[in-house]
Amino acid sequence: MAVITKITTQQKNQDRFNVFMDYGKGKGEEFAFSVDSDVLIKFQLKKGMELDDFSFLEIQYQDDIRKAYNLAINYLARRMRSEKEIVDYLGQKEVDEPVINEVIHRLTVQHYINDQEYAVAFVRTQANTTDKGPNVIKMDLKEKGIAEAFLLKALEEFPLEQQVEKALKISAKFYQKNAKVSVKVQKQKLEQLLLRKGYSYEVINIAVNEAEVPEEVDREMEAVRFQGEKVHRKYSHLDGFEYQQKIKQALYRKGFTMDLIERFLAEKEENL
């Protein structure tokens, strides 16, 4: 039976110890394994102690758990994590499944991980610091392994009033950046944008209808002039009826009303 001959502290990690043993095969003292300080204390390892194969395997298993636990704690130190995030992280570190299960159990008992609390904190953070709507946030939580019941409860932290407020802010910025297209096209693109960001049709309808389009008529005329000039350059080689029809067709497809198009054509004719 192998006997412990020496235990030394590792130079680079004072919480780990190197264990040397004599296996009785005439080779003398050899390095056997290293252990965490907690494992050392748990098994009361000391010089002269005999270890059989079963004890050796149990010590190694407990040390693997301790190393994986320390990895998880360091990972959690950066921010809150879901259970799935911890499992995935340890899996990437090539930790065995039984060890991962034991680590998750310990972290849960110690309240270091709690998917329900995590979901609530995640929704609050996303609602207060991003433009994401509830549908995108919900998908994010699903990817993090949060149970349906937990994520639905957590989404109550992002009420309809706050969703509408955010959607209106997004709309205001959008209109400012897209002043040179027709209001019809603007609204279509805004609906698509809000949908991609995860807002419901209810919130989108409110935002699109209530968002103020500053100086709408003037902006529309400015937009039709901008788009009209581009179309004019394309068809400037034409004249008469054919020219007007091409201009009308192109601008109508861009969402402008016939009234605005006629006004643009009238302006062009005056300036000729």
C-alpha atoms as a PDB file:
ATOM      1  CA  MET A   1       0.000   0.000   0.000  1.00  0.00           C
ATOM      2  CA  ALA A   2       1.269   3.491  -0.894  1.00  0.00           C
ATOM      3  CA  VAL A   3       2.407   5.781   1.909  1.00  0.00           C
ATOM      4  CA  ILE A   4       2.514   9.575   1.929  1.00  0.00           C
ATOM      5  CA  THR A   5       6.107  10.685   2.396  1.00  0.00           C
ATOM      6  CA  LYS A   6       5.869  14.439   2.010  1.00  0.00           C
ATOM      7  CA  ILE A   7       3.342  17.255   1.476  1.00  0.00           C
ATOM      8  CA  THR A   8       4.527  20.631   0.151  1.00  0.00           C
ATOM      9  CA  THR A   9       2.804  23.918  -0.689  1.00  0.00           C
ATOM     10  CA  GLN A  10       2.827  24.907  -4.328  1.00  0.00           C
ATOM     11  CA  GLN A  11       4.838  28.058  -5.001  1.00  0.00           C
ATOM     12  CA  LYS A  12       2.379  29.635  -7.459  1.00  0.00           C
ATOM     13  CA  ASN A  13      -0.767  28.696  -5.564  1.00  0.00           C
ATOM     14  CA  GLN A  14      -0.641  28.675  -1.787  1.00  0.00           C
ATOM     15  CA  ASP A  15      -4.046  26.955  -1.624  1.00  0.00           C
ATOM     16  CA  ARG A  16      -2.813  23.823  -3.361  1.00  0.00           C
ATOM     17  CA  PHE A  17      -0.463  21.142  -2.088  1.00  0.00           C
ATOM     18  CA  ASN A  18       1.771  18.558  -3.777  1.00  0.00           C
ATOM     19  CA  VAL A  19       1.594  15.089  -2.282  1.00  0.00           C
ATOM     20  CA  PHE A  20       4.563  12.699  -2.610  1.00  0.00           C
ATOM     21  CA  MET A  21       4.274   8.962  -1.959  1.00  0.00           C
ATOM     22  CA  ASP A  22       6.317   5.783  -1.728  1.00  0.00           C
ATOM     23  CA  TYR A  23       4.616   2.951  -3.627  1.00  0.00           C
ATOM     24  CA  GLY A  24       6.938   0.300  -2.134  1.00  0.00           C
ATOM     25  CA  LYS A  25       8.439  -0.772  -5.443  1.00  0.00           C
ATOM     26  CA  GLY A  26      11.966   0.245  -4.644  1.00  0.00           C
ATOM     27  CA  LYS A  27      11.658   3.567  -6.477  1.00  0.00           C
ATOM     28  CA  GLY A  28      11.440   5.620  -3.318  1.00  0.00           C
ATOM     29  CA  GLU A  29       9.560   8.882  -3.043  1.00  0.00           C
ATOM     30  CA  GLU A  30       7.572  10.066  -6.093  1.00  0.00           C
ATOM     31  CA  PHE A  31       5.194  12.913  -6.821  1.00  0.00           C
ATOM     32  CA  ALA A  32       1.680  11.419  -6.656  1.00  0.00           C
ATOM     33  CA  PHE A  33      -0.903  14.188  -6.995  1.00  0.00           C
ATOM     34  CA  SER A  34      -1.864  17.699  -5.979  1.00  0.00           C
ATOM     35  CA  VAL A  35      -4.900  18.729  -3.933  1.00  0.00           C
ATOM     36  CA  ASP A  36      -6.791  21.808  -2.797  1.00  0.00           C
ATOM     37  CA  SER A  37      -6.402  22.860   0.837  1.00  0.00           C
ATOM     38  CA  ASP A  38     -10.041  21.972   1.562  1.00  0.00           C
ATOM     39  CA  VAL A  39      -9.528  18.446   0.237  1.00  0.00           C
ATOM     40  CA  LEU A  40      -6.310  18.122   2.218  1.00  0.00           C
ATOM     41  CA  ILE A  41      -8.200  19.012   5.406  1.00  0.00           C
ATOM     42  CA  LYS A  42     -11.277  16.914   4.572  1.00  0.00           C
ATOM     43  CA  PHE A  43      -9.246  13.712   4.178  1.00  0.00           C
ATOM     44  CA  GLN A  44      -6.747  14.712   6.891  1.00  0.00           C
ATOM     45  CA  LEU A  45      -3.840  13.926   4.614  1.00  0.00           C
ATOM     46  CA  LYS A  46      -0.470  13.827   6.386  1.00  0.00           C
ATOM     47  CA  LYS A  47       2.978  12.264   6.224  1.00  0.00           C
ATOM     48  CA  GLY A  48       2.949   8.516   6.974  1.00  0.00           C
ATOM     49  CA  MET A  49      -0.688   8.023   5.989  1.00  0.00           C
ATOM     50  CA  GLU A  50      -1.470   4.957   3.879  1.00  0.00           C
ATOM     51  CA  LEU A  51      -3.787   5.253   0.875  1.00  0.00           C
ATOM     52  CA  ASP A  52      -5.501   2.411  -0.985  1.00  0.00           C
ATOM     53  CA  ASP A  53      -6.794   2.683  -4.567  1.00  0.00           C
ATOM     54  CA  PHE A  54     -10.328   3.560  -3.476  1.00  0.00           C
ATOM     55  CA  SER A  55      -9.130   6.393  -1.204  1.00  0.00           C
ATOM     56  CA  PHE A  56      -6.905   7.714  -3.966  1.00  0.00           C
ATOM     57  CA  LEU A  57      -9.809   7.812  -6.461  1.00  0.00           C
ATOM     58  CA  GLU A  58     -12.115   9.497  -3.947  1.00  0.00           C
ATOM     59  CA  ILE A  59      -9.504  12.156  -3.180  1.00  0.00           C
ATOM     60  CA  GLN A  60      -9.024  12.850  -6.891  1.00  0.00           C
ATOM     61  CA  TYR A  61     -12.775  13.065  -7.449  1.00  0.00           C
ATOM     62  CA  GLN A  62     -13.246  15.528  -4.595  1.00  0.00           C
ATOM     63  CA  ASP A  63     -10.307  17.576  -5.819  1.00  0.00           C
ATOM     64  CA  ASP A  64     -11.815  17.707  -9.321  1.00  0.00           C
ATOM     65  CA  ILE A  65     -15.016  19.031  -7.760  1.00  0.00           C
ATOM     66  CA  ARG A  66     -13.071  21.636  -5.823  1.00  0.00           C
ATOM     67  CA  LYS A  67     -11.182  22.830  -8.926  1.00  0.00           C
ATOM     68  CA  ALA A  68     -14.396  23.042 -10.933  1.00  0.00           C
ATOM     69  CA  TYR A  69     -16.117  24.854  -8.055  1.00  0.00           C
ATOM     70  CA  ASN A  70     -13.320  27.444  -7.977  1.00  0.00           C
ATOM     71  CA  LEU A  71     -13.642  27.918 -11.750  1.00  0.00           C
ATOM     72  CA  ALA A  72     -17.366  28.514 -11.369  1.00  0.00           C
ATOM     73  CA  ILE A  73     -16.891  30.973  -8.495  1.00  0.00           C
ATOM     74  CA  ASN A  74     -14.394  32.997 -10.524  1.00  0.00           C
ATOM     75  CA  TYR A  75     -16.797  32.965 -13.477  1.00  0.00           C
ATOM     76  CA  LEU A  76     -19.626  34.160 -11.234  1.00  0.00           C
ATOM     77  CA  ALA A  77     -17.445  36.910  -9.773  1.00  0.00           C
ATOM     78  CA  ARG A  78     -17.730  38.905 -13.010  1.00  0.00           C
ATOM     79  CA  ARG A  79     -21.545  38.990 -13.034  1.00  0.00           C
ATOM     80  CA  MET A  80     -24.646  36.899 -12.350  1.00  0.00           C
ATOM     81  CA  ARG A  81     -24.935  33.703 -14.391  1.00  0.00           C
ATOM     82  CA  SER A  82     -27.708  31.260 -15.187  1.00  0.00           C
ATOM     83  CA  GLU A  83     -27.342  27.576 -14.372  1.00  0.00           C
ATOM     84  CA  LYS A  84     -26.943  26.760 -18.076  1.00  0.00           C
ATOM     85  CA  GLU A  85     -24.179  29.334 -18.454  1.00  0.00           C
ATOM     86  CA  ILE A  86     -22.243  27.676 -15.619  1.00  0.00           C
ATOM     87  CA  VAL A  87     -22.813  24.214 -17.074  1.00  0.00           C
ATOM     88  CA  ASP A  88     -21.688  25.352 -20.542  1.00  0.00           C
ATOM     89  CA  TYR A  89     -18.637  27.131 -19.146  1.00  0.00           C
ATOM     90  CA  LEU A  90     -17.459  24.107 -17.165  1.00  0.00           C
ATOM     91  CA  GLY A  91     -18.140  21.896 -20.167  1.00  0.00           C
ATOM     92  CA  GLN A  92     -15.835  24.087 -22.242  1.00  0.00           C
ATOM     93  CA  LYS A  93     -13.194  23.541 -19.556  1.00  0.00           C
ATOM     94  CA  GLU A  94     -13.610  19.775 -20.140  1.00  0.00           C
ATOM     95  CA  VAL A  95     -15.029  19.123 -16.688  1.00  0.00           C
ATOM     96  CA  ASP A  96     -16.822  15.760 -16.434  1.00  0.00           C
ATOM     97  CA  GLU A  97     -20.624  15.754 -16.158  1.00  0.00           C
ATOM     98  CA  PRO A  98     -20.787  14.148 -12.643  1.00  0.00           C
ATOM     99  CA  VAL A  99     -18.420  16.840 -11.359  1.00  0.00           C
ATOM    100  CA  ILE A 100     -20.472  19.590 -13.022  1.00  0.00           C
ATOM    101  CA  ASN A 101     -23.662  18.243 -11.437  1.00  0.00           C
ATOM    102  CA  GLU A 102     -22.053  18.296  -7.986  1.00  0.00           C
ATOM    103  CA  VAL A 103     -20.794  21.864  -8.489  1.00  0.00           C
ATOM    104  CA  ILE A 104     -24.243  23.053  -9.632  1.00  0.00           C
ATOM    105  CA  HIS A 105     -25.796  21.429  -6.558  1.00  0.00           C
ATOM    106  CA  ARG A 106     -23.372  23.202  -4.224  1.00  0.00           C
ATOM    107  CA  LEU A 107     -23.807  26.574  -5.913  1.00  0.00           C
ATOM    108  CA  THR A 108     -27.590  26.241  -5.740  1.00  0.00           C
ATOM    109  CA  VAL A 109     -27.583  25.282  -2.067  1.00  0.00           C
ATOM    110  CA  GLN A 110     -25.304  28.231  -1.325  1.00  0.00           C
ATOM    111  CA  HIS A 111     -27.608  30.564  -3.330  1.00  0.00           C
ATOM    112  CA  TYR A 112     -24.819  31.546  -5.706  1.00  0.00           C
ATOM    113  CA  ILE A 113     -27.065  30.675  -8.638  1.00  0.00           C
ATOM    114  CA  ASN A 114     -30.803  31.200  -8.858  1.00  0.00           C
ATOM    115  CA  ASP A 115     -32.383  31.279 -12.306  1.00  0.00           C
ATOM    116  CA  GLN A 116     -35.487  33.120 -11.142  1.00  0.00           C
ATOM    117  CA  GLU A 117     -33.499  35.955  -9.556  1.00  0.00           C
ATOM    118  CA  TYR A 118     -31.158  35.963 -12.542  1.00  0.00           C
ATOM    119  CA  ALA A 119     -34.074  36.366 -14.971  1.00  0.00           C
ATOM    120  CA  VAL A 120     -35.515  39.314 -13.035  1.00  0.00           C
ATOM    121  CA  ALA A 121     -32.152  41.084 -12.873  1.00  0.00           C
ATOM    122  CA  PHE A 122     -31.512  40.420 -16.567  1.00  0.00           C
ATOM    123  CA  VAL A 123     -34.862  41.878 -17.664  1.00  0.00           C
ATOM    124  CA  ARG A 124     -34.381  44.987 -15.518  1.00  0.00           C
ATOM    125  CA  THR A 125     -30.906  45.579 -16.936  1.00  0.00           C
ATOM    126  CA  GLN A 126     -31.958  45.069 -20.552  1.00  0.00           C
ATOM    127  CA  ALA A 127     -35.053  47.250 -20.149  1.00  0.00           C
ATOM    128  CA  ASN A 128     -33.069  50.091 -18.574  1.00  0.00           C
ATOM    129  CA  THR A 129     -29.877  50.009 -20.646  1.00  0.00           C
ATOM    130  CA  THR A 130     -30.796  48.763 -24.148  1.00  0.00           C
ATOM    131  CA  ASP A 131     -33.373  49.306 -26.900  1.00  0.00           C
ATOM    132  CA  LYS A 132     -34.399  45.638 -26.842  1.00  0.00           C
ATOM    133  CA  GLY A 133     -38.086  44.814 -26.689  1.00  0.00           C
ATOM    134  CA  PRO A 134     -39.583  42.001 -24.580  1.00  0.00           C
ATOM    135  CA  ASN A 135     -39.618  39.433 -27.394  1.00  0.00           C
ATOM    136  CA  VAL A 136     -35.865  39.713 -27.979  1.00  0.00           C
ATOM    137  CA  ILE A 137     -35.200  39.692 -24.226  1.00  0.00           C
ATOM    138  CA  LYS A 138     -37.341  36.570 -23.942  1.00  0.00           C
ATOM    139  CA  MET A 139     -35.280  34.844 -26.652  1.00  0.00           C
ATOM    140  CA  ASP A 140     -32.067  35.842 -24.861  1.00  0.00           C
ATOM    141  CA  LEU A 141     -33.334  34.274 -21.635  1.00  0.00           C
ATOM    142  CA  LYS A 142     -34.311  31.073 -23.433  1.00  0.00           C
ATOM    143  CA  GLU A 143     -30.785  30.818 -24.844  1.00  0.00           C
ATOM    144  CA  LYS A 144     -29.496  31.103 -21.297  1.00  0.00           C
ATOM    145  CA  GLY A 145     -31.624  28.129 -20.284  1.00  0.00           C
ATOM    146  CA  ILE A 146     -34.193  30.007 -18.197  1.00  0.00           C
ATOM    147  CA  ALA A 147     -37.428  28.072 -17.686  1.00  0.00           C
ATOM    148  CA  GLU A 148     -40.574  29.455 -19.328  1.00  0.00           C
ATOM    149  CA  ALA A 149     -42.300  30.139 -16.009  1.00  0.00           C
ATOM    150  CA  PHE A 150     -39.304  32.120 -14.720  1.00  0.00           C
ATOM    151  CA  LEU A 151     -38.865  34.255 -17.830  1.00  0.00           C
ATOM    152  CA  LEU A 152     -42.577  35.081 -18.120  1.00  0.00           C
ATOM    153  CA  LYS A 153     -42.595  36.217 -14.497  1.00  0.00           C
ATOM    154  CA  ALA A 154     -39.414  38.234 -15.022  1.00  0.00           C
ATOM    155  CA  LEU A 155     -40.853  40.043 -18.057  1.00  0.00           C
ATOM    156  CA  GLU A 156     -43.380  41.657 -15.728  1.00  0.00           C
ATOM    157  CA  GLU A 157     -40.447  43.915 -14.794  1.00  0.00           C
ATOM    158  CA  PHE A 158     -40.782  45.486 -18.274  1.00  0.00           C
ATOM    159  CA  PRO A 159     -44.375  46.863 -18.266  1.00  0.00           C
ATOM    160  CA  LEU A 160     -46.257  48.078 -21.334  1.00  0.00           C
ATOM    161  CA  GLU A 161     -45.851  51.756 -20.370  1.00  0.00           C
ATOM    162  CA  GLN A 162     -42.068  51.443 -20.340  1.00  0.00           C
ATOM    163  CA  GLN A 163     -42.107  49.532 -23.635  1.00  0.00           C
ATOM    164  CA  VAL A 164     -44.119  52.303 -25.310  1.00  0.00           C
ATOM    165  CA  GLU A 165     -41.805  54.960 -23.878  1.00  0.00           C
ATOM    166  CA  LYS A 166     -38.751  53.209 -25.314  1.00  0.00           C
ATOM    167  CA  ALA A 167     -40.439  52.571 -28.657  1.00  0.00           C
ATOM    168  CA  LEU A 168     -41.330  56.279 -28.947  1.00  0.00           C
ATOM    169  CA  LYS A 169     -37.708  57.271 -28.285  1.00  0.00           C
ATOM    170  CA  ILE A 170     -36.526  54.838 -30.958  1.00  0.00           C
ATOM    171  CA  SER A 171     -39.140  56.293 -33.343  1.00  0.00           C
ATOM    172  CA  ALA A 172     -38.022  59.874 -32.738  1.00  0.00           C
ATOM    173  CA  LYS A 173     -34.392  59.003 -33.522  1.00  0.00           C
ATOM    174  CA  PHE A 174     -35.464  57.018 -36.562  1.00  0.00           C
ATOM    175  CA  TYR A 175     -37.465  59.891 -38.067  1.00  0.00           C
ATOM    176  CA  GLN A 176     -34.533  62.260 -37.597  1.00  0.00           C
ATOM    177  CA  LYS A 177     -32.193  59.929 -39.485  1.00  0.00           C
ATOM    178  CA  ASN A 178     -34.630  59.089 -42.287  1.00  0.00           C
ATOM    179  CA  ALA A 179     -36.006  62.499 -43.205  1.00  0.00           C
ATOM    180  CA  LYS A 180     -35.334  62.121 -46.918  1.00  0.00           C
ATOM    181  CA  VAL A 181     -37.803  59.317 -47.616  1.00  0.00           C
ATOM    182  CA  SER A 182     -41.583  59.502 -47.654  1.00  0.00           C
ATOM    183  CA  VAL A 183     -43.529  59.268 -44.389  1.00  0.00           C
ATOM    184  CA  LYS A 184     -45.247  56.145 -45.727  1.00  0.00           C
ATOM    185  CA  VAL A 185     -41.905  54.419 -46.249  1.00  0.00           C
ATOM    186  CA  GLN A 186     -40.618  55.788 -42.947  1.00  0.00           C
ATOM    187  CA  LYS A 187     -43.498  54.197 -41.075  1.00  0.00           C
ATOM    188  CA  GLN A 188     -43.033  50.880 -42.873  1.00  0.00           C
ATOM    189  CA  LYS A 189     -39.321  50.830 -42.049  1.00  0.00           C
ATOM    190  CA  LEU A 190     -39.999  51.910 -38.468  1.00  0.00           C
ATOM    191  CA  GLU A 191     -42.453  49.046 -37.999  1.00  0.00           C
ATOM    192  CA  GLN A 192     -39.834  46.601 -39.273  1.00  0.00           C
ATOM    193  CA  LEU A 193     -37.174  48.095 -36.995  1.00  0.00           C
ATOM    194  CA  LEU A 194     -39.341  47.859 -33.873  1.00  0.00           C
ATOM    195  CA  LEU A 195     -40.352  44.324 -34.784  1.00  0.00           C
ATOM    196  CA  ARG A 196     -36.689  43.291 -35.103  1.00  0.00           C
ATOM    197  CA  LYS A 197     -35.963  44.871 -31.740  1.00  0.00           C
ATOM    198  CA  GLY A 198     -38.606  42.664 -30.144  1.00  0.00           C
ATOM    199  CA  TYR A 199     -41.648  44.883 -29.629  1.00  0.00           C
ATOM    200  CA  SER A 200     -45.194  43.583 -29.973  1.00  0.00           C
ATOM    201  CA  TYR A 201     -47.594  44.773 -32.683  1.00  0.00           C
ATOM    202  CA  GLU A 202     -49.591  46.535 -29.975  1.00  0.00           C
ATOM    203  CA  VAL A 203     -46.612  48.641 -28.920  1.00  0.00           C
ATOM    204  CA  ILE A 204     -45.526  49.187 -32.535  1.00  0.00           C
ATOM    205  CA  ASN A 205     -48.943  50.538 -33.527  1.00  0.00           C
ATOM    206  CA  ILE A 206     -48.938  52.932 -30.575  1.00  0.00           C
ATOM    207  CA  ALA A 207     -45.409  54.149 -31.315  1.00  0.00           C
ATOM    208  CA  VAL A 208     -45.926  54.573 -35.064  1.00  0.00           C
ATOM    209  CA  ASN A 209     -49.193  56.468 -34.603  1.00  0.00           C
ATOM    210  CA  GLU A 210     -48.158  58.606 -31.635  1.00  0.00           C
ATOM    211  CA  ALA A 211     -44.563  59.426 -32.568  1.00  0.00           C
ATOM    212  CA  GLU A 212     -44.306  62.998 -33.776  1.00  0.00           C
ATOM    213  CA  VAL A 213     -43.018  63.559 -37.278  1.00  0.00           C
ATOM    214  CA  PRO A 214     -41.681  67.144 -37.056  1.00  0.00           C
ATOM    215  CA  GLU A 215     -43.064  69.467 -39.731  1.00  0.00           C
ATOM    216  CA  GLU A 216     -44.499  66.545 -41.636  1.00  0.00           C
ATOM    217  CA  VAL A 217     -45.624  68.433 -44.756  1.00  0.00           C
ATOM    218  CA  ASP A 218     -42.358  70.342 -45.116  1.00  0.00           C
ATOM    219  CA  ARG A 219     -40.331  67.186 -44.480  1.00  0.00           C
ATOM    220  CA  GLU A 220     -42.363  65.298 -47.072  1.00  0.00           C
ATOM    221  CA  MET A 221     -41.780  68.008 -49.663  1.00  0.00           C
ATOM    222  CA  GLU A 222     -38.074  68.056 -48.840  1.00  0.00           C
ATOM    223  CA  ALA A 223     -37.973  64.265 -49.177  1.00  0.00           C
ATOM    224  CA  VAL A 224     -39.813  64.210 -52.514  1.00  0.00           C
ATOM    225  CA  ARG A 225     -37.422  66.846 -53.844  1.00  0.00           C
ATOM    226  CA  PHE A 226     -34.406  64.796 -52.714  1.00  0.00           C
ATOM    227  CA  GLN A 227     -35.708  61.563 -54.215  1.00  0.00           C
ATOM    228  CA  GLY A 228     -37.132  63.384 -57.229  1.00  0.00           C
ATOM    229  CA  GLU A 229     -33.781  64.863 -58.183  1.00  0.00           C
ATOM    230  CA  LYS A 230     -32.230  61.403 -58.202  1.00  0.00           C
ATOM    231  CA  VAL A 231     -35.021  60.090 -60.416  1.00  0.00           C
ATOM    232  CA  HIS A 232     -34.779  63.195 -62.652  1.00  0.00           C
ATOM    233  CA  ARG A 233     -31.077  62.527 -63.281  1.00  0.00           C
ATOM    234  CA  LYS A 234     -31.981  58.997 -64.329  1.00  0.00           C
ATOM    235  CA  TYR A 235     -34.672  60.048 -66.792  1.00  0.00           C
ATOM    236  CA  SER A 236     -33.416  63.490 -67.854  1.00  0.00           C
ATOM    237  CA  HIS A 237     -32.826  62.168 -71.366  1.00  0.00           C
ATOM    238  CA  LEU A 238     -36.609  61.805 -71.768  1.00  0.00           C
ATOM    239  CA  ASP A 239     -39.136  64.580 -72.247  1.00  0.00           C
ATOM    240  CA  GLY A 240     -42.824  65.304 -72.289  1.00  0.00           C
ATOM    241  CA  PHE A 241     -45.371  62.670 -71.303  1.00  0.00           C
ATOM    242  CA  GLU A 242     -42.830  59.822 -71.091  1.00  0.00           C
ATOM    243  CA  TYR A 243     -40.599  61.818 -68.715  1.00  0.00           C
ATOM    244  CA  GLN A 244     -43.505  62.710 -66.414  1.00  0.00           C
ATOM    245  CA  GLN A 245     -44.816  59.132 -66.326  1.00  0.00           C
ATOM    246  CA  LYS A 246     -41.402  57.718 -65.395  1.00  0.00           C
ATOM    247  CA  ILE A 247     -41.008  60.303 -62.617  1.00  0.00           C
ATOM    248  CA  LYS A 248     -44.503  59.650 -61.268  1.00  0.00           C
ATOM    249  CA  GLN A 249     -44.079  55.875 -61.302  1.00  0.00           C
ATOM    250  CA  ALA A 250     -40.691  56.005 -59.567  1.00  0.00           C
ATOM    251  CA  LEU A 251     -41.760  58.412 -56.826  1.00  0.00           C
ATOM    252  CA  TYR A 252     -45.080  56.657 -56.251  1.00  0.00           C
ATOM    253  CA  ARG A 253     -43.203  53.399 -55.629  1.00  0.00           C
ATOM    254  CA  LYS A 254     -41.149  55.257 -53.038  1.00  0.00           C
ATOM    255  CA  GLY A 255     -44.332  56.007 -51.081  1.00  0.00           C
ATOM    256  CA  PHE A 256     -45.069  59.601 -52.046  1.00  0.00           C
ATOM    257  CA  THR A 257     -48.619  60.813 -52.725  1.00  0.00           C
ATOM    258  CA  MET A 258     -49.629  61.995 -56.194  1.00  0.00           C
ATOM    259  CA  ASP A 259     -50.248  65.463 -54.781  1.00  0.00           C
ATOM    260  CA  LEU A 260     -46.625  65.779 -53.652  1.00  0.00           C
ATOM    261  CA  ILE A 261     -45.358  64.312 -56.909  1.00  0.00           C
ATOM    262  CA  GLU A 262     -47.399  66.815 -58.916  1.00  0.00           C
ATOM    263  CA  ARG A 263     -46.016  69.652 -56.770  1.00  0.00           C
ATOM    264  CA  PHE A 264     -42.467  68.452 -57.435  1.00  0.00           C
ATOM    265  CA  LEU A 265     -43.084  68.246 -61.185  1.00  0.00           C
ATOM    266  CA  ALA A 266     -44.611  71.714 -61.157  1.00  0.00           C
ATOM    267  CA  GLU A 267     -41.522  73.069 -59.390  1.00  0.00           C
ATOM    268  CA  LYS A 268     -39.263  71.405 -61.944  1.00  0.00           C
ATOM    269  CA  GLU A 269     -41.244  72.924 -64.794  1.00  0.00           C
ATOM    270  CA  GLU A 270     -41.048  76.405 -63.265  1.00  0.00           C
ATOM    271  CA  ASN A 271     -37.281  76.130 -62.948  1.00  0.00           C
ATOM    272  CA  LEU A 272     -36.733  75.040 -66.541  1.00  0.00           C
END
